C-alpha atoms as a PDB file:
ATOM      1  CA  MET A   1      14.698 -22.758  54.350  1.00  0.00           C
ATOM      2  CA  ARG A   2      11.919 -20.402  55.667  1.00  0.00           C
ATOM      3  CA  LYS A   3      10.837 -17.098  54.274  1.00  0.00           C
ATOM      4  CA  GLU A   4       9.701 -13.991  56.281  1.00  0.00           C
ATOM      5  CA  PHE A   5       7.644 -11.411  54.208  1.00  0.00           C
ATOM      6  CA  LYS A   6       6.431  -7.752  55.188  1.00  0.00           C
ATOM      7  CA  ILE A   7       4.325  -5.630  53.037  1.00  0.00           C
ATOM      8  CA  GLU A   8       4.505  -1.778  53.034  1.00  0.00           C
ATOM      9  CA  VAL A   9       2.231   0.539  50.880  1.00  0.00           C
ATOM     10  CA  VAL A  10       3.027   3.976  49.667  1.00  0.00           C
ATOM     11  CA  THR A  11       0.543   6.366  48.972  1.00  0.00           C
ATOM     12  CA  GLU A  12       0.572   9.585  46.740  1.00  0.00           C
ATOM     13  CA  GLY A  13      -0.660  12.418  48.709  1.00  0.00           C
ATOM     14  CA  ALA A  14      -4.318  13.491  49.181  1.00  0.00           C
ATOM     15  CA  LEU A  15      -3.704  17.387  48.666  1.00  0.00           C
ATOM     16  CA  GLY A  16      -2.182  16.948  45.552  1.00  0.00           C
ATOM     17  CA  THR A  17      -4.973  14.517  44.186  1.00  0.00           C
ATOM     18  CA  ILE A  18      -7.746  16.738  45.189  1.00  0.00           C
ATOM     19  CA  PHE A  19      -6.341  20.093  44.013  1.00  0.00           C
ATOM     20  CA  LEU A  20      -4.444  19.176  41.009  1.00  0.00           C
ATOM     21  CA  GLY A  21      -6.271  16.166  39.852  1.00  0.00           C
ATOM     22  CA  SER A  22      -3.437  13.895  40.425  1.00  0.00           C
ATOM     23  CA  SER A  23       0.252  13.797  42.076  1.00  0.00           C
ATOM     24  CA  SER A  24       3.078  11.469  41.654  1.00  0.00           C
ATOM     25  CA  LEU A  25       4.082   8.741  44.147  1.00  0.00           C
ATOM     26  CA  PRO A  26       6.691   9.783  46.743  1.00  0.00           C
ATOM     27  CA  ILE A  27       9.730   8.678  44.986  1.00  0.00           C
ATOM     28  CA  LYS A  28      11.942   9.704  47.749  1.00  0.00           C
ATOM     29  CA  LYS A  29       9.863   8.014  50.534  1.00  0.00           C
ATOM     30  CA  MET A  30      10.032   5.111  48.666  1.00  0.00           C
ATOM     31  CA  GLU A  31      13.568   4.959  48.328  1.00  0.00           C
ATOM     32  CA  ALA A  32      14.224   5.574  51.849  1.00  0.00           C
ATOM     33  CA  LEU A  33      11.751   2.909  52.700  1.00  0.00           C
ATOM     34  CA  MET A  34      13.925   0.388  50.484  1.00  0.00           C
ATOM     35  CA  ASN A  35      16.944   1.231  51.717  1.00  0.00           C
ATOM     36  CA  GLN A  36      15.957   1.071  55.414  1.00  0.00           C
ATOM     37  CA  TYR A  37      14.630  -2.466  54.850  1.00  0.00           C
ATOM     38  CA  GLY A  38      17.713  -3.212  52.708  1.00  0.00           C
ATOM     39  CA  GLU A  39      20.025  -2.267  55.719  1.00  0.00           C
ATOM     40  CA  GLN A  40      18.169  -4.876  57.808  1.00  0.00           C
ATOM     41  CA  GLY A  41      18.540  -7.645  55.104  1.00  0.00           C
ATOM     42  CA  TRP A  42      15.026  -7.569  53.300  1.00  0.00           C
ATOM     43  CA  ASP A  43      14.623  -7.702  49.390  1.00  0.00           C
ATOM     44  CA  VAL A  44      12.069  -6.481  47.184  1.00  0.00           C
ATOM     45  CA  SER A  45      10.080  -9.594  46.405  1.00  0.00           C
ATOM     46  CA  PHE A  46       7.173  -7.961  44.227  1.00  0.00           C
ATOM     47  CA  GLN A  47       5.734  -4.643  43.810  1.00  0.00           C
ATOM     48  CA  LEU A  48       2.879  -3.413  42.196  1.00  0.00           C
ATOM     49  CA  ILE A  49       0.631  -0.238  41.487  1.00  0.00           C
ATOM     50  CA  GLU A  50      -3.033   0.187  42.489  1.00  0.00           C
ATOM     51  CA  HIS A  51      -5.387   2.552  42.510  1.00  0.00           C
ATOM     52  CA  ARG A  52      -7.490   3.465  45.508  1.00  0.00           C
ATOM     53  CA  ARG A  53     -10.570   5.546  45.955  1.00  0.00           C
ATOM     54  CA  LEU A  54     -10.198   8.833  47.796  1.00  0.00           C
ATOM     55  CA  LEU A  55     -13.567  10.539  49.047  1.00  0.00           C
ATOM     56  CA  LEU A  56     -16.380  10.391  46.033  1.00  0.00           C
ATOM     57  CA  PHE A  57     -14.630  11.879  42.987  1.00  0.00           C
ATOM     58  CA  TRP A  58     -10.940  10.939  43.027  1.00  0.00           C
ATOM     59  CA  ASN A  59      -8.697   8.115  42.996  1.00  0.00           C
ATOM     60  CA  ARG A  60      -4.979   8.134  43.890  1.00  0.00           C
ATOM     61  CA  GLU A  61      -2.179   5.599  43.139  1.00  0.00           C
ATOM     62  CA  SER A  62      -0.612   3.502  45.810  1.00  0.00           C
ATOM     63  CA  ALA A  63       2.780   1.334  45.655  1.00  0.00           C
ATOM     64  CA  VAL A  64       2.401  -2.066  47.156  1.00  0.00           C
ATOM     65  CA  ILE A  65       5.739  -3.544  48.136  1.00  0.00           C
ATOM     66  CA  THR A  66       6.578  -7.095  49.464  1.00  0.00           C
ATOM     67  CA  PHE A  67       9.777  -7.588  51.096  1.00  0.00           C
ATOM     68  CA  SER A  68      11.305 -10.879  51.919  1.00  0.00           C
ATOM     69  CA  ARG A  69      14.099 -12.330  53.710  1.00  0.00           C
ATOM     70  CA  ASN A  70      15.387 -15.899  54.727  1.00  0.00           C
ATOM     71  CA  ILE A  71      14.778 -16.874  58.426  1.00  0.00           C
END
């Protein structure tokens, strides 16, 4: 049995990070993305949170979501 994988990255907004110092991950966007792939037969295989640099002084979080499905 073979598997197919797809990776999506969801990042918090840049404006909230710059003006407020931090913001949160867009949960509604993540839910919509997961529901969209779920309808197509994809399952969440792995998920992690990473910190990415934004310009010189700021960091923002990104959720890296790995989807998989059987071919």
